[in-house]
Protein backbone atom coordinates (compact mmCIF):
# COMPACT_ATOMS: atom_id res chain seq x y z
CA MET A 1 -49.15 -106.51 15.35
CA ASN A 2 -46.10 -107.48 13.33
CA ILE A 3 -45.01 -104.60 11.09
CA ALA A 4 -42.39 -104.70 8.33
CA LEU A 5 -40.44 -101.57 7.41
CA ILE A 6 -38.70 -101.50 4.02
CA ALA A 7 -37.37 -98.63 1.92
CA HIS A 8 -35.40 -98.28 -1.27
CA ASP A 9 -32.22 -96.22 -0.92
CA GLN A 10 -33.75 -92.95 -2.13
CA LYS A 11 -36.69 -93.37 0.29
CA LYS A 12 -34.88 -94.38 3.48
CA ASN A 13 -34.84 -90.83 4.87
CA ASP A 14 -38.58 -90.54 4.28
CA LEU A 15 -39.29 -93.78 6.14
CA VAL A 16 -37.01 -92.82 9.04
CA GLN A 17 -38.84 -89.48 9.34
CA PHE A 18 -42.21 -91.23 9.13
CA VAL A 19 -41.39 -93.75 11.86
CA THR A 20 -39.94 -90.98 14.01
CA ALA A 21 -43.12 -88.92 13.62
CA TYR A 22 -45.30 -91.90 14.61
CA GLN A 23 -42.86 -93.44 17.07
CA LEU A 24 -45.46 -93.71 19.85
CA ILE A 25 -47.70 -95.82 17.61
CA PHE A 26 -44.89 -98.00 16.27
CA ALA A 27 -43.66 -98.61 19.84
CA LYS A 28 -46.85 -100.60 20.55
CA HIS A 29 -46.01 -103.21 17.90
CA ARG A 30 -43.29 -105.70 16.90
CA LEU A 31 -41.12 -104.20 14.19
CA TYR A 32 -39.17 -105.98 11.47
CA ALA A 33 -37.05 -104.37 8.77
CA THR A 34 -34.56 -105.02 6.05
CA GLY A 35 -30.91 -104.42 7.00
CA THR A 36 -29.87 -100.81 6.52
CA THR A 37 -33.39 -99.46 6.82
CA GLY A 38 -33.82 -101.16 10.19
CA LEU A 39 -30.47 -99.92 11.45
CA ARG A 40 -31.23 -96.33 10.47
CA ILE A 41 -34.65 -96.45 12.13
CA GLN A 42 -33.17 -97.99 15.28
CA GLU A 43 -30.47 -95.34 15.47
CA SER A 44 -32.99 -92.52 15.00
CA THR A 45 -35.74 -93.78 17.31
CA GLY A 46 -34.27 -96.33 19.71
CA LEU A 47 -37.14 -98.68 18.86
CA PRO A 48 -36.36 -102.40 18.98
CA ILE A 49 -36.36 -103.85 15.46
CA THR A 50 -35.70 -107.36 14.24
CA ARG A 51 -33.45 -106.87 11.23
CA PHE A 52 -33.18 -109.11 8.20
CA GLN A 53 -30.72 -109.03 5.32
CA SER A 54 -30.80 -106.01 3.04
CA GLY A 55 -33.41 -106.28 0.28
CA PRO A 56 -31.03 -107.26 -2.55
CA LEU A 57 -29.46 -109.92 -0.31
CA GLY A 58 -32.75 -111.61 0.55
CA GLY A 59 -34.40 -109.39 3.16
CA ASP A 60 -37.51 -108.93 0.99
CA GLN A 61 -37.77 -112.71 0.72
CA GLU A 62 -37.38 -113.16 4.48
CA ILE A 63 -40.33 -110.82 5.03
CA GLY A 64 -42.19 -112.62 2.24
CA ALA A 65 -41.71 -115.90 4.11
CA MET A 66 -43.31 -114.36 7.20
CA ILE A 67 -46.26 -113.22 5.07
CA ALA A 68 -46.66 -116.72 3.63
CA LYS A 69 -46.70 -118.14 7.18
CA ASN A 70 -49.32 -115.54 8.19
CA GLN A 71 -46.86 -113.96 10.63
CA MET A 72 -46.82 -110.42 9.20
CA ASP A 73 -49.71 -108.00 9.60
CA VAL A 74 -48.75 -104.68 8.01
CA ILE A 75 -46.07 -103.58 5.53
CA PHE A 76 -44.66 -100.09 5.08
CA PHE A 77 -42.54 -100.32 1.92
CA PHE A 78 -41.43 -96.92 0.67
CA ARG A 79 -40.58 -97.67 -2.95
CA ASP A 80 -38.62 -95.57 -5.39
CA PRO A 81 -40.54 -95.78 -8.69
CA LEU A 82 -37.95 -93.71 -10.56
CA THR A 83 -34.92 -95.95 -10.01
CA ALA A 84 -34.49 -99.45 -11.45
CA GLN A 85 -33.97 -102.01 -8.70
CA PRO A 86 -31.66 -104.97 -9.34
CA HIS A 87 -33.89 -107.19 -7.19
CA GLU A 88 -37.19 -106.10 -8.80
CA PRO A 89 -38.44 -109.73 -9.08
CA ASP A 90 -38.14 -110.03 -5.29
CA VAL A 91 -40.03 -106.76 -4.84
CA SER A 92 -42.79 -107.97 -7.18
CA ALA A 93 -43.01 -111.26 -5.31
CA LEU A 94 -43.39 -109.43 -2.00
CA LEU A 95 -46.17 -107.21 -3.37
CA ARG A 96 -47.90 -110.29 -4.80
CA LEU A 97 -47.80 -112.03 -1.41
CA CYS A 98 -49.40 -108.99 0.21
CA ASP A 99 -52.25 -109.33 -2.26
CA VAL A 100 -52.57 -113.11 -1.83
CA TYR A 101 -52.68 -112.88 1.97
CA SER A 102 -54.58 -109.55 2.22
CA ILE A 103 -51.75 -107.81 4.05
CA PRO A 104 -52.21 -104.04 4.24
CA LEU A 105 -49.38 -102.37 2.31
CA ALA A 106 -48.30 -98.72 2.11
CA THR A 107 -45.82 -97.91 -0.64
CA ASN A 108 -45.65 -94.14 -0.25
CA MET A 109 -46.15 -91.38 2.33
CA GLY A 110 -49.82 -90.82 1.42
CA SER A 111 -50.91 -94.43 1.89
CA ALA A 112 -48.65 -94.75 4.94
CA GLU A 113 -50.45 -91.87 6.66
CA MET A 114 -53.79 -93.60 6.15
CA LEU A 115 -52.48 -96.99 7.25
CA ILE A 116 -50.77 -95.78 10.43
CA ARG A 117 -53.86 -93.85 11.50
CA GLY A 118 -56.07 -96.87 10.83
CA LEU A 119 -53.68 -99.03 12.82
CA ASP A 120 -53.81 -96.59 15.73
CA GLU A 121 -57.62 -96.51 15.66
CA GLY A 122 -57.88 -100.31 15.75
CA LEU A 123 -59.17 -100.64 12.19
CA LEU A 124 -56.70 -103.46 11.50
CA ASP A 125 -57.59 -105.60 14.51
CA TRP A 126 -59.13 -108.13 12.08
CA ARG A 127 -55.52 -109.18 11.37
CA ASN A 128 -55.29 -110.61 14.90
CA ILE A 129 -58.17 -112.95 14.15
CA ALA A 130 -56.83 -113.85 10.70
CA ARG A 131 -53.37 -114.60 12.14
CA GLU A 132 -54.78 -116.75 14.96
CA ASN A 133 -56.94 -118.71 12.53
CA GLY A 134 -54.16 -119.10 9.98
CA GLU A 135 -56.42 -117.59 7.35
CA ARG A 136 -55.59 -115.99 4.06
CA ASP A 137 -57.80 -114.30 1.53
CA GLY A 138 -60.31 -116.78 0.11
CA GLU A 139 -59.99 -119.40 2.83
């Protein structure tokens, strides 16, 4: 599966700790991340990660393009709801694309725990079929 890893500045440590804790699961998949988040995860885990621009410089949009092409299967986006983000329209667009294309999305530690365990148990294997068929929700 193709997995995107994104975190706002105040949540980067949380995402690094999360990926480190579930490193054996993440190692079975292709990982993508926005700039600094990806670098920090790589440095902490040694996992190979395709890195895009940082979020404010277009990284969110690069991941959004993969979603629109049905090339992304799962998103872990640790958001900081207490800090205004200068690129909030990009964030909203990314969340909207997840809804349009039925991409599982975890925005905090609680939902991330559920999503990673479901991924490990094979509960998201339907994404393989959807990706191969080029499907999106409603098609």
